[in-house]
Amino acid sequence: MTGKSDAALYPSGAGCAVLRAAALLWSSKKTPSFPASILIVSVMLLSSIQSTSAHPQCLDFKPPFKPRWHLEFCRQYEQFGCCDQRTDNMIAERYWDIIEQLETAGYELCTDMLKEIMCQECSPYAAHLYDAEDPYTPVRELPGLCFDYCSEFHGKCRHVLKYLTVNQLLLYASEQDVTTFCSMVDLSDPDYCYPNVLKSPDLNSNLGRVVEDPRGCLQLCLTEVANNLRNPVLMLHSGDDTHRMFIAEQVGFVWVYLRDGSRLEQPFLDMSGEVLTTPWLGDERGFLGMAFHPKYRDNGRFFIYYSIQVNSELEKIRISEMKVSAYDMNVADPYSERVILEIEEPAANHNGGQLLFGVDGYLYIFTGDGGKAGDPFGKYGNAQNKSAFLGKVLRIDVDESDPSGKPYRIPWDNPFLGDPGARPEVFAYGVRNMWRCSVDRGDPVSGYGRSRIFCGDVGQNRYEEIDIIIKGGNYGWRAKEGFECYDMKLCQNSSLNDILPIFAYSHHVGKSVTGGYVYRGCESPNLNGLYIFGDFMNGRIMALEEDKTTGNWKERSVCMGDTQTCSFPGLINHHHKFIISFAEDEAGELYFLATSYPSAMSPFGTVFKFMDPSRRAPPGKCKQKPLPVKVRGKKFPFVPRELTVLGTNEKPTRPPPRKFKLTTKPPVKNSQAKPTTTAAGNTTAGTGVKVKPKSSDKEARKQNTLKPWKKDKMLNKKKANTKMEKNTLKQNAKKTSVSVKDKLKSKMNQTATDTLNMSKAYNSLKDNKIHTKRKIPQRKAAQKQSGPKMNIKESAKEYPAFVKQTKTNLNVKRNRTVTAQLKVKSKKI
């Protein structure tokens, strides 16, 4: 971490250049002019109002989160921090271990300060407090403390330090003066030390929200997912719980990527021999669309959309059905293609290309208007002509066939089913060239927004637009472009009744929209409900946020986070310029595909995944259990190429301090004891026997802090231990008596005379046992009078051994008496 004091002592960068310029103006012999004075004052004001750049980060090198459940111990961080319930319980256990040892040693407990320091592992700025912003920095064993707080801790509670760390240098400094100790635990940046980090408005005002720059641009970061792709036009999942991703290249190859990032050697599909495409820069023809059947897991069906050329002259777009191989789940059956629909293309551009299944189970097909400029085909153009397939959204039922011979059926509720002047397949019309559409899977809790279809419609000369597709809707082209008129005659037609876009932007912002997705994933909760899309030509990423009360959508600019915002392992803050497509994985996480050179043959395509550096989901919430994938061929592991912000993907050099757990208790020494105050107010000196504080108060505090299941666990453990001790004593006594009785019975069975004598011997042994037991307390009293004074705990520890030794002696006596009497009897016989 670079402290503010270091920055002041050693200024550098652009800010330093401005300050030097101002200094030169002041240092000149001439009096500065009025404009120069204004410049100097402005620089001084700007430098004075620069706020601390917040960068919340946990000790696991990840963003903080909102815990799923209530925290019982470090409650001040239950709304936002770095601890879940499990970690909170671990800190509580360590805390009570230390409190128990402090009570045993007779030290002052320092409960409040100890808890505050230990709970800083849960602070959203834990990485800063422990100097763990990157994998290179050794993690501290004590959080950074501000000088005033550190002075109070050093004066009252420095004896607690040996229970928090084993660092000998830190322990030695704690025995020195307060300045020496506090200089070691202080941070170079006073804004991040405890408790200043809680008081800074710059660090806490927008905590947990998406970081915004001064212009209000949402700062997001990226991770690299795949690379070395030839103009990747789409990425999608199969919805079969395997969490595989299928990435299609414009040339006609579809590759399988596994959950671990590796790519299979053999392609899932190779249509390169059928697909029409060229290496020309910006050629729109090729393999353009793909969609898996909603029941793909059971029937193995999927559908593709690609450009073809017939007899080297006529160009068409073809929509076909195919099936997965019966022998390999990662390879399509190349002989299973069944043509569903073919549409002639009058030009080489505006080919559409989107396929998707709606929530209703029907297949939606999005076609372009036929190409050229201004949709010049016919009186009204293809888009406004409902009898043409081009410039439309088509909807068909691929699970049924038509009696007329078509390999699909028309859904019963298609809007123009009974219109003689319209194709029954038409679901919506008046579109120019919708490039990338998506289905909103709905809010994960309420389901709000589910089944909505969002599309980006590429404009002509002035505007790009985002539309929500509804049944029977007319989206205006070529009468309108965005919100404005394009063809004045058609635009003034009162029967147009067009549906306006939810958002449009001019060509000053971008020139070719790429439709995206509404984020409904788990890993970045702040992004939920944002529709994220981009522009192909200038590489700009944008977002729309819905006002649910009015139904209006507000633009939210998205930009790549700066170096500090994206300072997490594995994150990058840059991407290729040409944004080709967006994608969503099976868990709802969001990606986009981009290239640095938009040619169908250039291998510069890369897949990026969005990541919000300001907040993540709580641990365990987003855990997935994918089904196993049987791989027959080779796998190529993913090798990232993009330069990460931190320049490394290594793990921390040592574990965070919460892994440290006390295993032994310090020995009790008379010299360590300090005067303590009893419950009655009496002070006991440190010499002799120390009065231990009431453990009942500590247990009550501990039980109030821990969860109910924890209390029950502790009580059951105590009961089990007590019961076990009683059973052990009973079993030992029973074994002793049984062994003696067995020996006596074996001897008594020899003769009738022996039986009488053995019973007498047994009675005498019983009397001896009773008399011996009565002498035990006298022997203990004699030891107490003659021997040195004994600590209560030491005497309690020695008592079981003493009793055991006494019982052993008794057993020896019994055996000797029995043996002697048996010898006497045998002689008489």
Foldseek 3Di string as FASTA:
>chain_A
DDAPVNCVVPPDDPLVVLVVVLVVQVPDPDPHDPVSVVSNVVSVVVVVPDDDDAFFAAQQLAFKAQEPDQALQLRVCNGIWHDYNVLSVLLLVQLLVLQVLCLVQAHDRPSPVVSVFSCLNGHSNSCQQQVNLDQVTDGHLTGAADLVVQQVCLVRPLVSVVSRDPPPVQNVQSPDDSVSNNVVRHHSYNCSHPPNVVVDCNHPVQFLFFDADPVQFGAWWWFFQFFQAQQFQDKADQQQQQLWIWTAFQLAFIWIAHPQSWTFPDTQTGPNVFADFDQDFPQPFGFFEKEHQNVCNPFQKIKTWGWGDDPNHWIKIWIWMWGQDPVANSHTDPPGIDTQDIATAQDRDLAARYWYAFPVRKIKGAGAQRDDAQQPPPDQHSQPQQAHPHQFIFIWAQVDADPVGHNTHQDPVQPCCPPPRHDSRGFEGQAHRWADKDAACAAPPPRPRGRWIKTWGAFGAWKTAIATDDGHAHAQPPQDTAPGGNDVVVVPDPPRPHDHGLDMDTCVVAHTWAFEYQFRAAWRVNSHRWGWTAHFQFQFIKIWHADVVVRHIDIHGHAHDDLSLQSGASIARDDAGGWNHKYAISRRWIKTKHANGRTSGRRGIIIMTIDRRSYTHPPPPSDGDGDDHDRDGDIGHHDDDDQHSNRDNDGRPDRHNSVDHDDDRDDHDLVSHCWDAAPVGDIDHSPDEDDRYDCVVVVVVSCSSDDPVVVVVVVVVVVVVVVVVVVVVVVVVVVLVVVLVVVLVVQLVPDVVSVVVSVVLVVVLVVVVVVLVVCVVVVVVVCCVPDDDDYPVVCVVCVVVVVVVSVVVSSVVSVVSVVVSVVVVVVVD
